[in-house]
Protein backbone atom coordinates (compact mmCIF):
# COMPACT_ATOMS: atom_id res chain seq x y z
CA UNK A 1 58.59 109.08 -55.90
CA UNK A 2 58.59 110.90 -59.30
CA UNK A 3 60.42 108.73 -61.84
CA UNK A 4 63.63 110.00 -63.23
CA UNK A 5 62.42 109.82 -66.88
CA UNK A 6 59.26 112.13 -66.22
CA UNK A 7 61.63 114.43 -63.99
CA UNK A 8 63.93 114.83 -66.90
CA UNK A 9 61.12 115.48 -69.27
CA UNK A 10 60.11 118.61 -67.40
CA UNK A 11 63.30 119.98 -66.72
CA UNK A 12 63.33 121.94 -69.86
CA UNK A 13 60.12 123.72 -69.03
CA UNK A 14 61.53 125.14 -65.92
CA UNK A 15 64.90 125.87 -67.75
CA UNK A 16 63.23 127.41 -70.81
CA UNK A 17 60.95 129.59 -68.90
CA UNK A 18 63.51 131.99 -67.70
CA UNK A 19 64.92 132.71 -71.48
CA UNK A 20 61.58 133.08 -72.87
CA UNK A 21 60.31 135.41 -70.00
CA UNK A 22 63.00 137.84 -70.73
CA UNK A 23 63.03 137.63 -74.75
CA UNK A 24 59.66 136.14 -75.88
CA UNK A 25 57.69 138.49 -73.87
CA UNK A 26 59.40 141.27 -74.91
CA UNK A 27 59.33 140.37 -78.78
CA UNK A 28 55.77 139.88 -79.18
CA UNK A 29 55.98 136.23 -79.53
CA UNK A 30 57.84 133.83 -81.80
CA UNK A 31 57.32 132.73 -85.42
CA UNK A 32 56.37 129.40 -84.78
CA UNK A 33 52.88 130.54 -82.59
CA UNK A 34 52.20 134.28 -84.63
CA UNK A 35 50.15 132.46 -87.28
CA UNK A 36 48.10 130.20 -84.74
CA UNK A 37 44.90 130.11 -82.58
CA UNK A 38 45.54 128.78 -79.07
CA UNK A 39 42.15 127.34 -77.48
CA UNK A 40 41.75 126.87 -73.46
CA UNK A 41 39.25 124.38 -72.70
CA UNK A 42 37.34 124.85 -69.39
CA UNK A 43 35.80 121.56 -68.36
CA UNK A 44 33.15 123.74 -66.29
CA UNK A 45 30.15 126.23 -67.08
CA UNK A 46 30.60 129.52 -67.89
CA UNK A 47 30.98 131.97 -64.77
CA UNK A 48 33.09 129.75 -62.55
CA UNK A 49 36.60 130.75 -61.22
CA UNK A 50 38.23 128.40 -63.61
CA UNK A 51 36.55 130.15 -66.31
CA UNK A 52 37.77 133.69 -64.92
CA UNK A 53 41.40 132.86 -64.57
CA UNK A 54 40.90 131.33 -68.08
CA UNK A 55 39.56 134.37 -69.91
CA UNK A 56 42.45 136.76 -67.74
CA UNK A 57 45.06 134.44 -69.09
CA UNK A 58 43.39 134.37 -72.50
CA UNK A 59 43.38 138.20 -72.58
CA UNK A 60 46.73 139.00 -71.55
CA UNK A 61 48.55 136.21 -73.79
CA UNK A 62 46.98 137.29 -76.76
CA UNK A 63 47.82 141.34 -75.88
CA UNK A 64 51.37 140.43 -75.21
CA UNK A 65 52.13 137.45 -78.09
CA UNK A 66 50.20 138.36 -81.32
CA UNK A 67 48.45 135.26 -81.04
CA UNK A 68 44.45 134.88 -80.98
CA UNK A 69 43.54 132.82 -77.78
CA UNK A 70 40.05 131.96 -77.28
CA UNK A 71 38.31 130.06 -74.22
CA UNK A 72 35.90 127.27 -74.74
CA UNK A 73 33.59 125.88 -71.68
CA UNK A 74 32.62 122.45 -72.27
CA UNK A 75 31.34 121.23 -69.24
CA UNK A 76 30.14 117.69 -68.47
CA UNK A 77 31.10 114.16 -66.48
CA UNK A 78 32.62 116.21 -63.77
CA UNK A 79 35.29 117.53 -66.28
CA UNK A 80 36.27 114.19 -67.42
CA UNK A 81 34.56 115.03 -71.18
CA UNK A 82 36.95 118.11 -71.66
CA UNK A 83 40.09 116.61 -70.34
CA UNK A 84 39.78 113.37 -72.44
CA UNK A 85 39.54 115.48 -75.39
CA UNK A 86 42.36 117.51 -74.67
CA UNK A 87 44.37 114.46 -73.56
CA UNK A 88 43.62 113.31 -77.33
CA UNK A 89 44.37 116.52 -79.12
CA UNK A 90 47.30 117.13 -81.61
CA UNK A 91 50.26 117.72 -79.16
CA UNK A 92 50.99 121.24 -80.59
CA UNK A 93 50.52 123.42 -77.98
CA UNK A 94 47.58 125.04 -79.74
CA UNK A 95 44.92 123.08 -77.31
CA UNK A 96 45.21 123.61 -73.27
CA UNK A 97 43.18 122.67 -70.52
CA UNK A 98 42.34 124.21 -67.40
CA UNK A 99 41.55 122.05 -64.69
CA UNK A 100 42.27 121.21 -60.82
CA UNK A 101 42.15 118.57 -58.22
CA UNK A 102 39.12 116.78 -60.47
CA UNK A 103 42.05 115.82 -63.12
CA UNK A 104 43.83 113.63 -60.27
CA UNK A 105 40.91 112.56 -58.35
CA UNK A 106 38.64 111.26 -60.97
CA UNK A 107 41.21 108.32 -62.25
CA UNK A 108 41.57 107.20 -58.75
CA UNK A 109 37.73 106.34 -58.62
CA UNK A 110 36.74 105.06 -61.82
CA UNK A 111 38.79 104.08 -65.55
CA UNK A 112 38.93 107.17 -67.84
CA UNK A 113 40.67 107.53 -71.25
CA UNK A 114 43.27 109.73 -69.96
CA UNK A 115 46.19 109.30 -67.53
CA UNK A 116 46.46 112.20 -65.12
CA UNK A 117 50.64 111.88 -65.04
CA UNK A 118 51.32 111.00 -68.43
CA UNK A 119 48.52 112.35 -70.86
CA UNK A 120 49.29 115.88 -70.42
CA UNK A 121 52.55 118.26 -70.09
CA UNK A 122 52.03 120.21 -67.15
CA UNK A 123 52.49 123.90 -67.88
CA UNK A 124 51.79 126.04 -64.87
CA UNK A 125 49.83 125.64 -61.67
CA UNK A 126 47.98 129.18 -62.15
CA UNK A 127 46.30 129.74 -58.85
CA UNK A 128 45.22 128.55 -55.46
CA UNK A 129 41.65 128.68 -55.00
CA UNK A 130 40.82 128.75 -51.06
CA UNK A 131 37.47 127.34 -49.96
CA UNK A 132 35.55 128.34 -46.78
CA UNK A 133 34.09 126.36 -44.33
CA UNK A 134 30.65 128.21 -42.96
CA UNK A 135 27.82 127.82 -40.56
CA UNK A 136 24.59 130.01 -40.02
CA UNK A 137 25.01 133.08 -38.52
CA UNK A 138 22.85 132.08 -35.65
CA UNK A 139 24.82 128.69 -35.19
CA UNK A 140 26.27 128.18 -31.57
CA UNK A 141 29.65 127.28 -33.40
CA UNK A 142 31.78 130.40 -32.88
CA UNK A 143 35.33 128.64 -34.40
CA UNK A 144 36.62 125.60 -35.75
CA UNK A 145 37.30 123.96 -32.38
CA UNK A 146 33.62 124.78 -31.68
CA UNK A 147 32.63 122.61 -34.56
CA UNK A 148 34.97 119.63 -33.90
CA UNK A 149 34.17 119.47 -30.48
CA UNK A 150 30.25 119.10 -31.22
CA UNK A 151 30.74 116.41 -34.00
CA UNK A 152 32.96 114.30 -31.56
CA UNK A 153 30.18 114.76 -29.06
CA UNK A 154 27.42 113.86 -31.82
CA UNK A 155 29.17 111.56 -33.92
CA UNK A 156 27.15 111.43 -37.71
CA UNK A 157 24.78 114.03 -36.65
CA UNK A 158 26.81 117.39 -37.91
CA UNK A 159 26.36 117.49 -41.85
CA UNK A 160 28.25 119.65 -44.34
CA UNK A 161 26.98 120.35 -47.65
CA UNK A 162 29.41 119.61 -50.62
CA UNK A 163 29.50 119.59 -54.43
CA UNK A 164 30.79 116.40 -55.37
CA UNK A 165 33.73 114.35 -53.99
CA UNK A 166 35.60 116.59 -51.41
CA UNK A 167 38.81 115.12 -50.38
CA UNK A 168 39.94 117.96 -48.62
CA UNK A 169 37.01 117.23 -45.97
CA UNK A 170 37.66 113.78 -46.11
CA UNK A 171 41.18 114.59 -45.12
CA UNK A 172 40.21 116.97 -42.38
CA UNK A 173 37.81 114.45 -41.10
CA UNK A 174 40.38 111.65 -40.55
CA UNK A 175 42.88 114.16 -39.09
CA UNK A 176 40.70 115.60 -36.48
CA UNK A 177 38.89 112.27 -35.73
CA UNK A 178 35.43 113.35 -36.18
CA UNK A 179 32.71 111.43 -38.28
CA UNK A 180 30.62 114.13 -40.08
CA UNK A 181 27.88 113.37 -42.32
CA UNK A 182 28.74 114.87 -46.09
CA UNK A 183 25.62 115.71 -48.21
CA UNK A 184 25.71 116.60 -51.66
CA UNK A 185 24.29 119.37 -53.37
CA UNK A 186 23.57 120.31 -56.92
CA UNK A 187 25.00 124.16 -56.58
CA UNK A 188 25.84 126.80 -54.08
CA UNK A 189 22.03 128.36 -54.11
CA UNK A 190 20.25 125.08 -52.79
CA UNK A 191 23.07 124.75 -50.22
CA UNK A 192 23.16 128.30 -49.15
CA UNK A 193 19.46 128.04 -48.75
CA UNK A 194 19.43 124.84 -46.76
CA UNK A 195 22.06 126.02 -44.26
CA UNK A 196 20.08 129.31 -43.93
CA UNK A 197 17.25 127.40 -42.89
CA UNK A 198 18.90 124.90 -40.60
CA UNK A 199 18.75 122.00 -42.54
CA UNK A 200 22.44 121.24 -42.56
CA UNK A 201 25.15 122.23 -40.37
CA UNK A 202 27.54 123.68 -42.28
CA UNK A 203 29.05 124.18 -46.01
CA UNK A 204 32.03 124.44 -47.88
CA UNK A 205 32.26 126.41 -51.45
CA UNK A 206 34.78 128.75 -52.61
CA UNK A 207 35.61 132.27 -51.78
CA UNK A 208 33.77 133.88 -54.13
CA UNK A 209 30.66 132.22 -53.39
CA UNK A 210 31.42 132.08 -49.52
CA UNK A 211 32.87 135.98 -48.91
CA UNK A 212 29.66 137.53 -49.95
CA UNK A 213 27.36 135.87 -47.30
CA UNK A 214 29.97 135.90 -44.89
CA UNK A 215 30.59 139.64 -45.25
CA UNK A 216 26.88 140.13 -45.49
CA UNK A 217 26.44 138.61 -42.07
CA UNK A 218 24.12 135.80 -43.14
CA UNK A 219 26.97 133.30 -42.89
CA UNK A 220 29.80 132.76 -39.89
CA UNK A 221 33.42 131.42 -41.54
CA UNK A 222 35.01 128.97 -39.00
CA UNK A 223 38.36 128.32 -41.43
CA UNK A 224 39.60 128.63 -44.69
CA UNK A 225 41.37 125.84 -46.79
CA UNK A 226 43.62 128.13 -47.87
CA UNK A 227 47.89 128.38 -47.92
CA UNK A 228 47.55 131.87 -45.92
CA UNK A 229 44.67 133.87 -44.65
CA UNK A 230 42.23 135.22 -47.44
CA UNK A 231 42.44 139.21 -47.86
CA UNK A 232 38.55 139.17 -47.67
CA UNK A 233 38.34 137.23 -44.78
CA UNK A 234 41.73 138.37 -42.83
CA UNK A 235 39.95 137.50 -39.53
CA UNK A 236 39.26 133.99 -40.42
CA UNK A 237 42.05 131.40 -39.46
CA UNK A 238 43.30 128.23 -42.21
CA UNK A 239 42.75 125.00 -41.32
CA UNK A 240 46.37 124.69 -40.87
CA UNK A 241 46.65 127.25 -38.40
CA UNK A 242 44.11 125.31 -36.16
CA UNK A 243 46.56 121.99 -36.63
CA UNK A 244 45.09 120.58 -39.96
CA UNK A 245 47.05 120.50 -42.76
CA UNK A 246 44.77 119.35 -45.44
CA UNK A 247 44.32 119.36 -49.14
CA UNK A 248 43.81 122.95 -50.82
CA UNK A 249 42.01 123.62 -54.36
CA UNK A 250 44.08 125.03 -57.36
CA UNK A 251 43.67 125.67 -61.13
CA UNK A 252 46.60 124.81 -63.61
CA UNK A 253 47.25 124.65 -67.25
CA UNK A 254 47.97 121.64 -69.05
CA UNK A 255 48.81 120.80 -72.91
CA UNK A 256 48.68 117.32 -74.19
CA UNK A 257 51.67 115.13 -73.77
CA UNK A 258 54.34 115.20 -76.29
CA UNK A 259 54.09 118.83 -77.03
CA UNK A 260 57.43 120.13 -78.61
CA UNK A 261 59.87 121.18 -76.31
CA UNK A 262 59.98 124.98 -77.82
CA UNK A 263 56.32 125.15 -77.82
CA UNK A 264 55.90 123.87 -74.05
CA UNK A 265 58.66 126.12 -72.79
CA UNK A 266 57.11 129.01 -74.82
CA UNK A 267 53.48 128.39 -73.16
CA UNK A 268 55.58 128.24 -69.80
CA UNK A 269 57.00 131.53 -69.99
CA UNK A 270 53.84 133.33 -71.53
CA UNK A 271 51.76 132.04 -68.75
CA UNK A 272 54.23 132.67 -65.81
CA UNK A 273 54.59 136.21 -67.30
CA UNK A 274 50.63 136.83 -67.52
CA UNK A 275 49.84 135.46 -63.89
CA UNK A 276 52.40 138.00 -62.58
CA UNK A 277 51.00 141.03 -64.08
CA UNK A 278 49.62 143.50 -61.49
CA UNK A 279 46.31 143.98 -63.41
CA UNK A 280 45.99 140.24 -63.06
CA UNK A 281 46.26 140.19 -59.46
CA UNK A 282 44.33 142.99 -58.88
CA UNK A 283 41.36 141.20 -60.59
CA UNK A 284 42.14 137.63 -59.14
CA UNK A 285 42.59 139.52 -55.37
CA UNK A 286 38.29 140.03 -54.94
CA UNK A 287 37.72 136.54 -55.77
CA UNK A 288 40.45 135.18 -53.02
CA UNK A 289 42.62 133.40 -55.83
CA UNK A 290 46.41 133.74 -55.45
CA UNK A 291 48.26 133.34 -58.68
CA UNK A 292 51.17 130.67 -58.01
CA UNK A 293 54.86 130.62 -59.58
CA UNK A 294 54.89 126.81 -60.07
CA UNK A 295 55.67 125.79 -63.42
CA UNK A 296 57.20 123.00 -65.56
CA UNK A 297 59.29 120.73 -63.11
CA UNK A 298 58.05 121.97 -60.00
CA UNK A 299 54.22 121.82 -61.19
CA UNK A 300 55.02 118.05 -62.39
CA UNK A 301 56.23 116.96 -58.85
CA UNK A 302 53.59 118.82 -57.36
CA UNK A 303 51.03 116.69 -59.28
CA UNK A 304 52.85 113.40 -58.34
CA UNK A 305 52.70 114.16 -54.75
CA UNK A 306 49.14 115.14 -54.82
CA UNK A 307 48.18 112.16 -56.83
CA UNK A 308 49.63 109.98 -54.10
CA UNK A 309 47.92 112.12 -51.26
CA UNK A 310 44.55 111.70 -53.07
CA UNK A 311 45.18 107.97 -53.66
CA UNK A 312 45.78 107.43 -49.83
CA UNK A 313 43.02 109.63 -48.60
CA UNK A 314 40.63 107.67 -50.64
CA UNK A 315 41.66 104.25 -49.36
CA UNK A 316 41.68 105.25 -46.11
CA UNK A 317 38.38 106.77 -46.26
CA UNK A 318 37.44 103.50 -48.38
CA UNK A 319 35.36 105.95 -50.87
CA UNK A 320 34.07 104.05 -53.49
CA UNK A 321 32.89 105.34 -57.09
CA UNK A 322 29.11 105.64 -57.25
């Protein structure tokens, strides 16, 4: 349940967005921000989806609001290093963070120097990022039901390559009542090599990586962790269509807590306008990324629900920090 005080705190964000989208975007920014440089911190190495989203957002805000926006990649600690740094930064709206499910998951497994629900002012959920479950093109599993049936017939024998903790898969395993072994890999390259070599049964990775291999005929997609079918894999059903409503990946923008109301509302408006621009949508579509309209209060409530769901999955799966 979202606390009343938290709900009240973020109501101004949604309310302010409408006014600023209509006024601030057209006016080219307000005086409070025109002389400032905004830094968007990405807690992962360059080249990934989070970096792509950050740079598109930076370009749009920089071009329309007469401010300088820079993107800083600061990987390490499974996103914790950068996340803690932004949480402890001056709350002036000039240091922002792009992060996703890792922001909520990490504190559920071990103590960190930030509180996912209280150390930040949520600005907007930027995109949904669908992941894809795929097998070798020579695999006998033609669809998700085949894979589930095999997993039930051979408990613990089927393996799925993952990259760190994957609560969506843990959620799926419990809802499908299957015992599948999750095998950690350092990156997509080694996992694809292992899958093509028949060393693992399947793998899960984002659409940008998997779509290329699926469309080339090297891998066969069984299902996507997406709210709707992915344009580049329109023939592949979602997990929800197959009866398994599991967690989905996303990217969001955050400011440190106690950012001034006017500044936070301004950031909401700028972000919402930028993510709805046709050129941004066109550049995100090939990566299977879909802009989200969730900002302010709605985004805050979404984070609370996700945090509770992640905690439940971790408890039910008896997941421990390594």
